[in-house]
Amino acid sequence: MASNAERLDALYDGFWKRGDWHAGAEVMAPDIEWNGMDDDATLGGTRIGARAVNVFFAEWLEAWEVADVSWQITELTPDLLLVHSRLTARGRGSGLETATEIGQVWEFENGKAIRQTMYRKFEDARRAADALLTPDV
């Protein structure tokens, strides 16, 4: 059986490289909590449920043409993954070009992603993941 990190990598590959907005549906829990960046019009908001996440993916791919993307997944524990992504894209309607780096924290339970939280800076994602690893004192 593939690890959570391997399955998440396949999700990223399907979404970013093949434009498959259904990619990773089997990775996400039916009630996944998907937290975007509230200060970003295209990546903001919270979505609940795998269907809502797939709609988000479909809308994002409709609006943007990806020029270049890369990601690195770090397995902090089998159920806690940290992702550092770099992306260059162009707005399909506006022609606006953007380049960004983001961090994401993925939390898994029983082989399913139950929560994803996105951060504008990778360092912020790293701090958030570290806080999840530190027991309350």
N, C-alpha and C. Protein backbone atom coordinates (compact mmCIF):
# COMPACT_ATOMS: atom_id res chain seq x y z
N MET A 1 0.85 -1.19 0.00
CA MET A 1 0.00 0.00 0.00
C MET A 1 0.89 1.24 0.00
N ALA A 2 0.53 2.20 -0.79
CA ALA A 2 1.30 3.45 -0.89
C ALA A 2 1.13 4.27 0.38
N SER A 3 2.17 5.01 0.71
CA SER A 3 2.12 5.90 1.88
C SER A 3 1.24 7.10 1.58
N ASN A 4 0.86 7.82 2.62
CA ASN A 4 0.09 9.06 2.43
C ASN A 4 0.88 10.04 1.57
N ALA A 5 2.19 10.11 1.77
CA ALA A 5 3.03 11.03 0.98
C ALA A 5 3.01 10.64 -0.49
N GLU A 6 3.10 9.36 -0.79
CA GLU A 6 3.07 8.90 -2.19
C GLU A 6 1.72 9.19 -2.83
N ARG A 7 0.65 8.97 -2.09
CA ARG A 7 -0.68 9.22 -2.62
C ARG A 7 -0.92 10.71 -2.81
N LEU A 8 -0.40 11.53 -1.90
CA LEU A 8 -0.53 12.98 -2.05
C LEU A 8 0.28 13.46 -3.26
N ASP A 9 1.45 12.90 -3.46
CA ASP A 9 2.25 13.24 -4.63
C ASP A 9 1.48 12.92 -5.92
N ALA A 10 0.79 11.79 -5.94
CA ALA A 10 -0.02 11.43 -7.11
C ALA A 10 -1.16 12.43 -7.32
N LEU A 11 -1.76 12.91 -6.22
CA LEU A 11 -2.80 13.93 -6.32
C LEU A 11 -2.23 15.19 -6.98
N TYR A 12 -1.10 15.67 -6.48
CA TYR A 12 -0.47 16.87 -7.05
C TYR A 12 -0.13 16.67 -8.52
N ASP A 13 0.43 15.51 -8.84
CA ASP A 13 0.79 15.22 -10.22
C ASP A 13 -0.44 15.23 -11.13
N GLY A 14 -1.51 14.59 -10.69
CA GLY A 14 -2.73 14.56 -11.48
C GLY A 14 -3.33 15.93 -11.69
N PHE A 15 -3.38 16.70 -10.61
CA PHE A 15 -3.97 18.04 -10.70
C PHE A 15 -3.12 18.98 -11.53
N TRP A 16 -1.85 19.12 -11.16
CA TRP A 16 -0.99 20.12 -11.79
C TRP A 16 -0.48 19.71 -13.17
N LYS A 17 -0.10 18.47 -13.35
CA LYS A 17 0.51 18.05 -14.62
C LYS A 17 -0.51 17.60 -15.66
N ARG A 18 -1.62 16.99 -15.21
CA ARG A 18 -2.62 16.50 -16.15
C ARG A 18 -3.91 17.32 -16.15
N GLY A 19 -4.03 18.28 -15.22
CA GLY A 19 -5.24 19.10 -15.17
C GLY A 19 -6.47 18.30 -14.77
N ASP A 20 -6.29 17.25 -14.02
CA ASP A 20 -7.38 16.38 -13.60
C ASP A 20 -7.94 16.88 -12.28
N TRP A 21 -9.07 17.58 -12.32
CA TRP A 21 -9.62 18.15 -11.10
C TRP A 21 -10.24 17.11 -10.19
N HIS A 22 -10.34 15.86 -10.65
CA HIS A 22 -10.78 14.77 -9.80
C HIS A 22 -9.61 14.08 -9.11
N ALA A 23 -8.40 14.50 -9.44
CA ALA A 23 -7.20 13.84 -8.91
C ALA A 23 -7.25 13.78 -7.39
N GLY A 24 -6.93 12.63 -6.88
CA GLY A 24 -6.83 12.47 -5.44
C GLY A 24 -8.13 12.32 -4.70
N ALA A 25 -9.22 12.14 -5.41
CA ALA A 25 -10.50 12.01 -4.73
C ALA A 25 -10.47 10.89 -3.69
N GLU A 26 -9.73 9.82 -3.99
CA GLU A 26 -9.65 8.71 -3.05
C GLU A 26 -8.75 9.01 -1.86
N VAL A 27 -7.98 10.10 -1.94
CA VAL A 27 -7.10 10.49 -0.83
C VAL A 27 -7.86 11.30 0.22
N MET A 28 -8.88 12.02 -0.22
CA MET A 28 -9.58 12.94 0.68
C MET A 28 -10.74 12.26 1.40
N ALA A 29 -10.84 12.55 2.69
CA ALA A 29 -12.01 12.10 3.46
C ALA A 29 -13.24 12.81 2.90
N PRO A 30 -14.41 12.16 2.96
CA PRO A 30 -15.63 12.81 2.44
C PRO A 30 -15.90 14.17 3.06
N ASP A 31 -15.48 14.37 4.32
CA ASP A 31 -15.73 15.63 5.03
C ASP A 31 -14.45 16.44 5.24
N ILE A 32 -13.48 16.32 4.31
CA ILE A 32 -12.22 17.05 4.43
C ILE A 32 -12.48 18.54 4.65
N GLU A 33 -11.64 19.15 5.45
CA GLU A 33 -11.68 20.60 5.68
C GLU A 33 -10.52 21.19 4.89
N TRP A 34 -10.84 22.01 3.90
CA TRP A 34 -9.85 22.61 3.00
C TRP A 34 -9.79 24.10 3.31
N ASN A 35 -8.68 24.54 3.92
CA ASN A 35 -8.54 25.92 4.34
C ASN A 35 -7.58 26.65 3.40
N GLY A 36 -8.12 27.64 2.70
CA GLY A 36 -7.31 28.46 1.81
C GLY A 36 -6.75 29.66 2.55
N MET A 37 -6.14 30.55 1.79
CA MET A 37 -5.60 31.79 2.35
C MET A 37 -6.67 32.87 2.25
N ASP A 38 -7.12 33.37 3.38
CA ASP A 38 -8.23 34.31 3.39
C ASP A 38 -7.92 35.62 2.68
N ASP A 39 -6.65 35.95 2.51
CA ASP A 39 -6.30 37.21 1.87
C ASP A 39 -6.05 37.04 0.38
N ASP A 40 -6.50 35.94 -0.21
CA ASP A 40 -6.25 35.68 -1.62
C ASP A 40 -7.57 35.36 -2.32
N ALA A 41 -7.88 36.11 -3.37
CA ALA A 41 -9.16 35.95 -4.06
C ALA A 41 -9.31 34.58 -4.72
N THR A 42 -8.22 34.02 -5.23
CA THR A 42 -8.33 32.75 -5.94
C THR A 42 -8.06 31.54 -5.06
N LEU A 43 -7.38 31.72 -3.96
CA LEU A 43 -7.02 30.59 -3.09
C LEU A 43 -7.62 30.71 -1.70
N GLY A 44 -8.55 31.63 -1.51
CA GLY A 44 -9.10 31.88 -0.19
C GLY A 44 -10.29 31.01 0.15
N GLY A 45 -10.72 31.14 1.38
CA GLY A 45 -11.93 30.47 1.85
C GLY A 45 -11.71 29.09 2.39
N THR A 46 -12.75 28.58 3.01
CA THR A 46 -12.77 27.22 3.55
C THR A 46 -13.84 26.44 2.82
N ARG A 47 -13.46 25.23 2.44
CA ARG A 47 -14.40 24.33 1.79
C ARG A 47 -14.48 23.06 2.63
N ILE A 48 -15.67 22.52 2.74
CA ILE A 48 -15.88 21.29 3.50
C ILE A 48 -16.39 20.23 2.54
N GLY A 49 -15.69 19.11 2.53
CA GLY A 49 -16.11 17.98 1.71
C GLY A 49 -15.29 17.84 0.44
N ALA A 50 -15.09 16.59 0.04
CA ALA A 50 -14.29 16.30 -1.15
C ALA A 50 -14.93 16.91 -2.40
N ARG A 51 -16.24 16.91 -2.49
CA ARG A 51 -16.92 17.51 -3.66
C ARG A 51 -16.61 19.00 -3.75
N ALA A 52 -16.66 19.71 -2.63
CA ALA A 52 -16.37 21.15 -2.63
C ALA A 52 -14.92 21.41 -3.05
N VAL A 53 -14.01 20.53 -2.64
CA VAL A 53 -12.60 20.69 -3.02
C VAL A 53 -12.45 20.45 -4.52
N ASN A 54 -13.13 19.45 -5.06
CA ASN A 54 -13.06 19.19 -6.50
C ASN A 54 -13.63 20.36 -7.30
N VAL A 55 -14.71 20.98 -6.82
CA VAL A 55 -15.26 22.17 -7.49
C VAL A 55 -14.24 23.29 -7.47
N PHE A 56 -13.57 23.48 -6.34
CA PHE A 56 -12.51 24.49 -6.24
C PHE A 56 -11.42 24.23 -7.29
N PHE A 57 -10.96 22.96 -7.37
CA PHE A 57 -9.94 22.61 -8.35
C PHE A 57 -10.41 22.92 -9.77
N ALA A 58 -11.63 22.53 -10.10
CA ALA A 58 -12.17 22.76 -11.44
C ALA A 58 -12.23 24.25 -11.77
N GLU A 59 -12.70 25.05 -10.83
CA GLU A 59 -12.78 26.51 -11.05
C GLU A 59 -11.39 27.11 -11.21
N TRP A 60 -10.43 26.64 -10.42
CA TRP A 60 -9.07 27.17 -10.49
C TRP A 60 -8.46 26.85 -11.85
N LEU A 61 -8.61 25.61 -12.30
CA LEU A 61 -8.04 25.21 -13.59
C LEU A 61 -8.71 25.93 -14.76
N GLU A 62 -9.98 26.27 -14.60
CA GLU A 62 -10.69 27.00 -15.64
C GLU A 62 -10.17 28.43 -15.76
N ALA A 63 -9.76 29.02 -14.64
CA ALA A 63 -9.34 30.42 -14.62
C ALA A 63 -7.86 30.61 -14.94
N TRP A 64 -7.02 29.59 -14.69
CA TRP A 64 -5.58 29.77 -14.81
C TRP A 64 -4.94 28.71 -15.71
N GLU A 65 -3.96 29.13 -16.48
CA GLU A 65 -3.14 28.23 -17.28
C GLU A 65 -1.78 28.12 -16.58
N VAL A 66 -1.44 26.93 -16.15
CA VAL A 66 -0.20 26.70 -15.40
C VAL A 66 0.97 26.63 -16.37
N ALA A 67 1.97 27.48 -16.14
CA ALA A 67 3.18 27.48 -16.97
C ALA A 67 4.24 26.56 -16.38
N ASP A 68 4.41 26.62 -15.07
CA ASP A 68 5.43 25.81 -14.40
C ASP A 68 5.00 25.59 -12.96
N VAL A 69 5.23 24.38 -12.48
CA VAL A 69 4.88 24.06 -11.09
C VAL A 69 5.84 23.00 -10.57
N SER A 70 6.16 23.13 -9.29
CA SER A 70 6.96 22.10 -8.62
C SER A 70 6.52 22.06 -7.17
N TRP A 71 6.75 20.93 -6.54
CA TRP A 71 6.40 20.78 -5.13
C TRP A 71 7.34 19.78 -4.48
N GLN A 72 7.47 19.96 -3.17
CA GLN A 72 8.27 19.05 -2.37
C GLN A 72 7.44 18.67 -1.16
N ILE A 73 7.27 17.37 -0.96
CA ILE A 73 6.49 16.86 0.16
C ILE A 73 7.44 16.33 1.22
N THR A 74 7.25 16.81 2.44
CA THR A 74 8.04 16.34 3.57
C THR A 74 7.10 15.60 4.52
N GLU A 75 7.45 14.36 4.83
CA GLU A 75 6.65 13.56 5.75
C GLU A 75 7.18 13.79 7.16
N LEU A 76 6.45 14.58 7.94
CA LEU A 76 6.84 14.84 9.33
C LEU A 76 6.49 13.65 10.21
N THR A 77 5.33 13.07 9.96
CA THR A 77 4.90 11.78 10.50
C THR A 77 4.12 11.15 9.35
N PRO A 78 3.77 9.89 9.43
CA PRO A 78 2.98 9.31 8.35
C PRO A 78 1.65 10.04 8.11
N ASP A 79 1.13 10.69 9.16
CA ASP A 79 -0.16 11.37 9.04
C ASP A 79 -0.07 12.90 9.00
N LEU A 80 1.13 13.45 8.97
CA LEU A 80 1.31 14.90 8.92
C LEU A 80 2.34 15.22 7.84
N LEU A 81 1.88 15.87 6.78
CA LEU A 81 2.73 16.16 5.63
C LEU A 81 2.82 17.67 5.42
N LEU A 82 4.00 18.10 5.05
CA LEU A 82 4.28 19.51 4.77
C LEU A 82 4.66 19.62 3.30
N VAL A 83 4.04 20.56 2.59
CA VAL A 83 4.29 20.71 1.16
C VAL A 83 4.75 22.14 0.86
N HIS A 84 5.81 22.24 0.07
CA HIS A 84 6.32 23.52 -0.40
C HIS A 84 6.13 23.53 -1.91
N SER A 85 5.27 24.43 -2.40
CA SER A 85 4.94 24.50 -3.82
C SER A 85 5.39 25.82 -4.43
N ARG A 86 5.82 25.74 -5.69
CA ARG A 86 6.17 26.91 -6.49
C ARG A 86 5.35 26.85 -7.77
N LEU A 87 4.78 27.98 -8.16
CA LEU A 87 3.85 27.99 -9.29
C LEU A 87 4.00 29.26 -10.11
N THR A 88 3.98 29.10 -11.41
CA THR A 88 3.89 30.21 -12.33
C THR A 88 2.67 29.94 -13.21
N ALA A 89 1.76 30.92 -13.33
CA ALA A 89 0.54 30.72 -14.11
C ALA A 89 0.13 32.02 -14.78
N ARG A 90 -0.78 31.88 -15.76
CA ARG A 90 -1.31 33.04 -16.48
C ARG A 90 -2.84 32.94 -16.46
N GLY A 91 -3.48 34.07 -16.14
CA GLY A 91 -4.94 34.11 -16.14
C GLY A 91 -5.47 33.88 -17.55
N ARG A 92 -6.40 32.96 -17.70
CA ARG A 92 -6.92 32.64 -19.03
C ARG A 92 -7.66 33.82 -19.64
N GLY A 93 -8.38 34.57 -18.84
CA GLY A 93 -9.12 35.71 -19.37
C GLY A 93 -8.33 37.00 -19.38
N SER A 94 -7.55 37.21 -18.34
CA SER A 94 -6.85 38.49 -18.17
C SER A 94 -5.46 38.51 -18.77
N GLY A 95 -4.85 37.35 -18.92
CA GLY A 95 -3.45 37.30 -19.35
C GLY A 95 -2.48 37.65 -18.24
N LEU A 96 -3.00 37.94 -17.06
CA LEU A 96 -2.17 38.28 -15.91
C LEU A 96 -1.25 37.12 -15.56
N GLU A 97 0.03 37.41 -15.39
CA GLU A 97 0.99 36.38 -14.99
C GLU A 97 1.26 36.50 -13.50
N THR A 98 1.40 35.35 -12.87
CA THR A 98 1.68 35.32 -11.44
C THR A 98 2.70 34.23 -11.13
N ALA A 99 3.51 34.49 -10.17
CA ALA A 99 4.46 33.49 -9.65
C ALA A 99 4.33 33.52 -8.14
N THR A 100 4.19 32.36 -7.55
CA THR A 100 3.99 32.30 -6.11
C THR A 100 4.60 31.05 -5.52
N GLU A 101 4.89 31.14 -4.24
CA GLU A 101 5.31 29.99 -3.45
C GLU A 101 4.34 29.91 -2.29
N ILE A 102 3.91 28.71 -1.99
CA ILE A 102 3.00 28.53 -0.85
C ILE A 102 3.45 27.32 -0.04
N GLY A 103 2.95 27.26 1.18
CA GLY A 103 3.14 26.10 2.04
C GLY A 103 1.79 25.52 2.38
N GLN A 104 1.74 24.21 2.52
CA GLN A 104 0.50 23.55 2.90
C GLN A 104 0.81 22.50 3.97
N VAL A 105 -0.11 22.39 4.91
CA VAL A 105 -0.05 21.34 5.91
C VAL A 105 -1.23 20.41 5.66
N TRP A 106 -0.91 19.13 5.47
CA TRP A 106 -1.92 18.10 5.24
C TRP A 106 -1.96 17.18 6.45
N GLU A 107 -3.16 16.97 6.98
CA GLU A 107 -3.36 16.08 8.12
C GLU A 107 -4.20 14.88 7.66
N PHE A 108 -3.70 13.69 7.97
CA PHE A 108 -4.36 12.45 7.59
C PHE A 108 -4.82 11.68 8.81
N GLU A 109 -5.87 10.89 8.62
CA GLU A 109 -6.37 10.00 9.65
C GLU A 109 -6.93 8.76 8.95
N ASN A 110 -6.46 7.60 9.35
CA ASN A 110 -6.92 6.34 8.74
C ASN A 110 -6.77 6.34 7.22
N GLY A 111 -5.67 6.91 6.74
CA GLY A 111 -5.37 6.88 5.31
C GLY A 111 -6.10 7.91 4.47
N LYS A 112 -6.81 8.82 5.09
CA LYS A 112 -7.56 9.86 4.36
C LYS A 112 -7.14 11.24 4.84
N ALA A 113 -7.04 12.18 3.92
CA ALA A 113 -6.75 13.57 4.27
C ALA A 113 -7.99 14.17 4.91
N ILE A 114 -7.85 14.61 6.16
CA ILE A 114 -8.99 15.19 6.87
C ILE A 114 -8.92 16.72 6.91
N ARG A 115 -7.73 17.28 6.68
CA ARG A 115 -7.57 18.73 6.71
C ARG A 115 -6.35 19.13 5.88
N GLN A 116 -6.52 20.22 5.12
CA GLN A 116 -5.43 20.86 4.40
C GLN A 116 -5.51 22.33 4.72
N THR A 117 -4.38 22.91 5.11
CA THR A 117 -4.33 24.34 5.41
C THR A 117 -3.20 24.95 4.60
N MET A 118 -3.53 26.03 3.89
CA MET A 118 -2.60 26.69 2.98
C MET A 118 -2.06 27.97 3.62
N TYR A 119 -0.78 28.24 3.36
CA TYR A 119 -0.12 29.42 3.92
C TYR A 119 0.62 30.15 2.80
N ARG A 120 0.59 31.47 2.86
CA ARG A 120 1.27 32.29 1.87
C ARG A 120 2.78 32.07 1.89
N LYS A 121 3.32 31.81 3.07
CA LYS A 121 4.77 31.58 3.20
C LYS A 121 5.01 30.18 3.71
N PHE A 122 5.98 29.50 3.10
CA PHE A 122 6.32 28.15 3.52
C PHE A 122 6.74 28.12 4.99
N GLU A 123 7.45 29.15 5.43
CA GLU A 123 7.91 29.20 6.83
C GLU A 123 6.73 29.18 7.79
N ASP A 124 5.61 29.84 7.42
CA ASP A 124 4.42 29.83 8.26
C ASP A 124 3.80 28.43 8.32
N ALA A 125 3.81 27.74 7.19
CA ALA A 125 3.31 26.36 7.17
C ALA A 125 4.19 25.48 8.06
N ARG A 126 5.48 25.67 7.98
CA ARG A 126 6.42 24.88 8.79
C ARG A 126 6.16 25.10 10.28
N ARG A 127 5.95 26.37 10.68
CA ARG A 127 5.66 26.67 12.09
C ARG A 127 4.34 26.02 12.54
N ALA A 128 3.34 26.08 11.67
CA ALA A 128 2.04 25.48 12.00
C ALA A 128 2.17 23.97 12.16
N ALA A 129 2.92 23.34 11.26
CA ALA A 129 3.13 21.89 11.35
C ALA A 129 3.91 21.54 12.61
N ASP A 130 4.93 22.32 12.92
CA ASP A 130 5.71 22.08 14.15
C ASP A 130 4.82 22.18 15.38
N ALA A 131 3.88 23.13 15.38
CA ALA A 131 2.97 23.29 16.51
C ALA A 131 2.08 22.05 16.67
N LEU A 132 1.71 21.43 15.57
CA LEU A 132 0.90 20.21 15.65
C LEU A 132 1.70 19.04 16.22
N LEU A 133 3.01 19.10 16.04
CA LEU A 133 3.89 18.03 16.56
C LEU A 133 4.22 18.21 18.03
N THR A 134 4.05 19.44 18.53
CA THR A 134 4.43 19.74 19.91
C THR A 134 3.23 19.50 20.81
N PRO A 135 3.36 18.58 21.77
CA PRO A 135 2.24 18.33 22.67
C PRO A 135 1.95 19.55 23.55
N ASP A 136 0.68 19.71 23.86
CA ASP A 136 0.30 20.80 24.78
C ASP A 136 0.95 20.57 26.14
N VAL A 137 1.44 21.64 26.72
CA VAL A 137 2.11 21.53 28.01
C VAL A 137 1.23 22.10 29.09
